[in-house]
Every structure is written in structure tokens, then in C-alpha cells.
């Protein structure tokens, strides 16, 4: 099994366990130690205080002083709906740069069967950091 498939399976299992019914969303990262961290975005009462699902995993990786090699985010509308892969949002793309341009990001797809990753540098080939 590839590292990408291991990451997908860990995040998928966490989503199913944490959200057996209704909406669900879980993100995860693979570390250079081959460990996997998962995270969620709690349903905060004030939507203005919401954060991306990926943030918890990223903060934990930074807290452990570990490098992220891969990231993935899975969501579903309800327990009868298929799981979908979401690429990192713009804020998370900026956060992931902390670990360098080679972080592999899962690409948006309507099916987990269409599992594809691209380097962060491919997702933002004209990033502003190049002028520095």
C-alpha cells in the first residue's frame, strides 16, 4: 500500500468513526516519520471563529517539530453520500509552505477512487515568495 493510500484510509476511517451520520469532514497529514495526524474543524457557534480542517494537523506537526510530506482533506454531505477530496484552500496553501514546496497535496475529486496528488509548487507556480 502506498503512503498516499495509507493517508487516505486513515482519514477515511477517522471520518466514518467521528461522523457516523450526517455531514463529515476530516483532514490528515503524513509526516516524514510515516506517522499520520488527523484533524477536524469543530462546529463553532460563531462561524467567524471557524478554521480549516487541516489546521489542527498542521499545528500538531509543527508542535512535534516534524515535517509534513502529504496532506488530504475528505468531506461528505451525509452518510449516504460519497466521500470527496478537497484540495487545500488558499490559506492552507500558505500554511503548508512552512514545510516547503515539495509537500504533496491531494487534488479535488468527486471520488476517493480518483486519488491524485500534486506538489505545492505545482498548485502555486507563481507564488509571491519567488521575489524574495
C-alpha atoms as a PDB file:
ATOM      1  CA  UNK A   1       0.000   0.000   0.000  1.00  0.00           C
ATOM      2  CA  UNK A   2       1.353   3.435  -0.920  1.00  0.00           C
ATOM      3  CA  UNK A   3       1.785   6.236   1.600  1.00  0.00           C
ATOM      4  CA  UNK A   4      -0.937   8.154  -0.227  1.00  0.00           C
ATOM      5  CA  UNK A   5      -3.369   5.240   0.187  1.00  0.00           C
ATOM      6  CA  UNK A   6      -2.415   4.837   3.868  1.00  0.00           C
ATOM      7  CA  UNK A   7      -3.160   8.512   4.438  1.00  0.00           C
ATOM      8  CA  UNK A   8      -6.479   8.287   2.603  1.00  0.00           C
ATOM      9  CA  UNK A   9      -7.511   5.210   4.604  1.00  0.00           C
ATOM     10  CA  UNK A  10      -6.587   6.781   7.956  1.00  0.00           C
ATOM     11  CA  UNK A  11      -8.546   9.946   7.207  1.00  0.00           C
ATOM     12  CA  UNK A  12     -11.489   7.992   5.790  1.00  0.00           C
ATOM     13  CA  UNK A  13     -11.636   5.769   8.894  1.00  0.00           C
ATOM     14  CA  UNK A  14     -11.497   8.795  11.193  1.00  0.00           C
ATOM     15  CA  UNK A  15     -14.336  10.450   9.255  1.00  0.00           C
ATOM     16  CA  UNK A  16     -16.539   7.352   9.459  1.00  0.00           C
ATOM     17  CA  UNK A  17     -15.798   6.847  13.177  1.00  0.00           C
ATOM     18  CA  UNK A  18     -16.232  10.502  14.161  1.00  0.00           C
ATOM     19  CA  UNK A  19     -19.237  11.249  11.948  1.00  0.00           C
ATOM     20  CA  UNK A  20     -21.314   8.049  11.630  1.00  0.00           C
ATOM     21  CA  UNK A  21     -24.312  10.084  10.408  1.00  0.00           C
ATOM     22  CA  UNK A  22     -24.787  13.434   8.737  1.00  0.00           C
ATOM     23  CA  UNK A  23     -22.116  15.707   7.383  1.00  0.00           C
ATOM     24  CA  UNK A  24     -18.490  14.781   7.936  1.00  0.00           C
ATOM     25  CA  UNK A  25     -15.110  16.237   7.225  1.00  0.00           C
ATOM     26  CA  UNK A  26     -11.622  15.197   8.322  1.00  0.00           C
ATOM     27  CA  UNK A  27      -8.151  16.161   7.148  1.00  0.00           C
ATOM     28  CA  UNK A  28      -4.834  14.496   7.640  1.00  0.00           C
ATOM     29  CA  UNK A  29      -1.145  14.822   7.037  1.00  0.00           C
ATOM     30  CA  UNK A  30       1.616  12.292   6.542  1.00  0.00           C
ATOM     31  CA  UNK A  31       4.848  13.121   8.322  1.00  0.00           C
ATOM     32  CA  UNK A  32       8.356  12.273   7.178  1.00  0.00           C
ATOM     33  CA  UNK A  33       8.401   9.736  10.037  1.00  0.00           C
ATOM     34  CA  UNK A  34       5.494   7.917   8.280  1.00  0.00           C
ATOM     35  CA  UNK A  35       3.181   8.882  11.148  1.00  0.00           C
ATOM     36  CA  UNK A  36      -0.263  10.226  10.277  1.00  0.00           C
ATOM     37  CA  UNK A  37      -2.060  13.038  12.076  1.00  0.00           C
ATOM     38  CA  UNK A  38      -5.754  13.769  11.544  1.00  0.00           C
ATOM     39  CA  UNK A  39      -7.834  16.788  12.454  1.00  0.00           C
ATOM     40  CA  UNK A  40     -11.285  18.334  12.194  1.00  0.00           C
ATOM     41  CA  UNK A  41     -12.902  21.731  12.320  1.00  0.00           C
ATOM     42  CA  UNK A  42     -15.297  21.813  15.256  1.00  0.00           C
ATOM     43  CA  UNK A  43     -18.711  23.309  14.599  1.00  0.00           C
ATOM     44  CA  UNK A  44     -18.029  26.538  16.483  1.00  0.00           C
ATOM     45  CA  UNK A  45     -21.161  28.531  17.414  1.00  0.00           C
ATOM     46  CA  UNK A  46     -19.618  31.684  15.903  1.00  0.00           C
ATOM     47  CA  UNK A  47     -18.756  30.858  12.284  1.00  0.00           C
ATOM     48  CA  UNK A  48     -16.265  33.716  12.266  1.00  0.00           C
ATOM     49  CA  UNK A  49     -14.076  31.659  14.582  1.00  0.00           C
ATOM     50  CA  UNK A  50     -14.072  28.585  12.323  1.00  0.00           C
ATOM     51  CA  UNK A  51     -10.823  27.161  10.998  1.00  0.00           C
ATOM     52  CA  UNK A  52      -9.908  24.813   8.164  1.00  0.00           C
ATOM     53  CA  UNK A  53      -9.975  21.097   8.935  1.00  0.00           C
ATOM     54  CA  UNK A  54      -6.275  20.858   8.094  1.00  0.00           C
ATOM     55  CA  UNK A  55      -5.113  23.399  10.666  1.00  0.00           C
ATOM     56  CA  UNK A  56      -5.106  21.024  13.644  1.00  0.00           C
ATOM     57  CA  UNK A  57      -2.849  18.528  11.865  1.00  0.00           C
ATOM     58  CA  UNK A  58      -0.506  21.267  10.714  1.00  0.00           C
ATOM     59  CA  UNK A  59      -0.227  22.764  14.188  1.00  0.00           C
ATOM     60  CA  UNK A  60       0.419  19.350  15.738  1.00  0.00           C
ATOM     61  CA  UNK A  61       3.151  18.634  13.167  1.00  0.00           C
ATOM     62  CA  UNK A  62       4.760  21.989  13.969  1.00  0.00           C
ATOM     63  CA  UNK A  63       4.372  21.316  17.703  1.00  0.00           C
ATOM     64  CA  UNK A  64       6.163  17.974  17.287  1.00  0.00           C
ATOM     65  CA  UNK A  65       8.793  19.642  15.072  1.00  0.00           C
ATOM     66  CA  UNK A  66       8.006  17.142  12.289  1.00  0.00           C
ATOM     67  CA  UNK A  67       7.916  17.648   8.523  1.00  0.00           C
ATOM     68  CA  UNK A  68       4.716  17.200   6.522  1.00  0.00           C
ATOM     69  CA  UNK A  69       5.134  15.293   3.265  1.00  0.00           C
ATOM     70  CA  UNK A  70       1.459  14.839   2.209  1.00  0.00           C
ATOM     71  CA  UNK A  71      -1.918  16.345   3.029  1.00  0.00           C
ATOM     72  CA  UNK A  72      -5.518  15.355   2.266  1.00  0.00           C
ATOM     73  CA  UNK A  73      -8.988  16.588   3.192  1.00  0.00           C
ATOM     74  CA  UNK A  74     -12.139  14.444   2.886  1.00  0.00           C
ATOM     75  CA  UNK A  75     -15.760  15.563   3.155  1.00  0.00           C
ATOM     76  CA  UNK A  76     -19.194  14.126   2.569  1.00  0.00           C
ATOM     77  CA  UNK A  77     -22.696  15.607   2.619  1.00  0.00           C
ATOM     78  CA  UNK A  78     -24.172  12.778   4.706  1.00  0.00           C
ATOM     79  CA  UNK A  79     -23.597   9.092   5.449  1.00  0.00           C
ATOM     80  CA  UNK A  80     -25.226   8.103   2.139  1.00  0.00           C
ATOM     81  CA  UNK A  81     -23.083  10.473   0.062  1.00  0.00           C
ATOM     82  CA  UNK A  82     -19.726   9.625  -1.485  1.00  0.00           C
ATOM     83  CA  UNK A  83     -16.543  10.949   0.047  1.00  0.00           C
ATOM     84  CA  UNK A  84     -14.984  13.830  -1.850  1.00  0.00           C
ATOM     85  CA  UNK A  85     -11.408  15.076  -1.800  1.00  0.00           C
ATOM     86  CA  UNK A  86     -10.809  18.797  -1.362  1.00  0.00           C
ATOM     87  CA  UNK A  87      -7.549  20.476  -2.339  1.00  0.00           C
ATOM     88  CA  UNK A  88      -6.139  22.848   0.287  1.00  0.00           C
ATOM     89  CA  UNK A  89      -7.720  26.290   0.365  1.00  0.00           C
ATOM     90  CA  UNK A  90      -5.573  29.357  -0.233  1.00  0.00           C
ATOM     91  CA  UNK A  91      -4.876  29.900   3.452  1.00  0.00           C
ATOM     92  CA  UNK A  92      -3.788  26.285   3.909  1.00  0.00           C
ATOM     93  CA  UNK A  93      -1.591  26.523   0.816  1.00  0.00           C
ATOM     94  CA  UNK A  94       0.176  29.418   2.518  1.00  0.00           C
ATOM     95  CA  UNK A  95       0.475  27.464   5.776  1.00  0.00           C
ATOM     96  CA  UNK A  96       1.883  24.405   4.005  1.00  0.00           C
ATOM     97  CA  UNK A  97       4.768  26.490   2.624  1.00  0.00           C
ATOM     98  CA  UNK A  98       6.217  26.270   6.139  1.00  0.00           C
ATOM     99  CA  UNK A  99       7.269  22.713   5.135  1.00  0.00           C
ATOM    100  CA  UNK A 100       8.479  23.649   1.649  1.00  0.00           C
ATOM    101  CA  UNK A 101       7.331  23.493  -1.955  1.00  0.00           C
ATOM    102  CA  UNK A 102       7.532  19.700  -2.202  1.00  0.00           C
ATOM    103  CA  UNK A 103       4.577  18.945   0.104  1.00  0.00           C
ATOM    104  CA  UNK A 104       2.237  16.674  -1.841  1.00  0.00           C
ATOM    105  CA  UNK A 105      -1.384  17.895  -1.782  1.00  0.00           C
ATOM    106  CA  UNK A 106      -4.385  15.729  -2.632  1.00  0.00           C
ATOM    107  CA  UNK A 107      -6.323  17.157  -5.567  1.00  0.00           C
ATOM    108  CA  UNK A 108     -10.047  17.876  -5.569  1.00  0.00           C
ATOM    109  CA  UNK A 109     -12.094  14.938  -6.776  1.00  0.00           C
ATOM    110  CA  UNK A 110     -15.678  13.704  -6.549  1.00  0.00           C
ATOM    111  CA  UNK A 111     -14.366  10.231  -5.722  1.00  0.00           C
ATOM    112  CA  UNK A 112     -11.688   8.832  -3.425  1.00  0.00           C
ATOM    113  CA  UNK A 113     -11.050   6.322  -6.203  1.00  0.00           C
ATOM    114  CA  UNK A 114      -9.520   9.197  -8.189  1.00  0.00           C
ATOM    115  CA  UNK A 115      -6.692   9.795  -5.708  1.00  0.00           C
ATOM    116  CA  UNK A 116      -4.122  12.204  -7.148  1.00  0.00           C
ATOM    117  CA  UNK A 117      -1.515  14.408  -5.531  1.00  0.00           C
ATOM    118  CA  UNK A 118       0.498  17.366  -6.777  1.00  0.00           C
ATOM    119  CA  UNK A 119       3.406  19.273  -5.288  1.00  0.00           C
ATOM    120  CA  UNK A 120       2.560  22.528  -3.575  1.00  0.00           C
ATOM    121  CA  UNK A 121       4.814  24.276  -6.102  1.00  0.00           C
ATOM    122  CA  UNK A 122       2.614  22.919  -8.918  1.00  0.00           C
ATOM    123  CA  UNK A 123      -0.530  24.291  -7.280  1.00  0.00           C
ATOM    124  CA  UNK A 124       1.005  27.743  -6.938  1.00  0.00           C
ATOM    125  CA  UNK A 125       3.628  28.080  -9.673  1.00  0.00           C
ATOM    126  CA  UNK A 126       3.652  31.879  -9.495  1.00  0.00           C
ATOM    127  CA  UNK A 127       3.672  32.285  -5.723  1.00  0.00           C
ATOM    128  CA  UNK A 128       4.762  35.658  -4.388  1.00  0.00           C
ATOM    129  CA  UNK A 129       7.672  34.192  -2.378  1.00  0.00           C
ATOM    130  CA  UNK A 130       9.749  33.910  -5.567  1.00  0.00           C
ATOM    131  CA  UNK A 131      10.596  37.623  -5.450  1.00  0.00           C
ATOM    132  CA  UNK A 132      12.348  37.086  -2.123  1.00  0.00           C
END
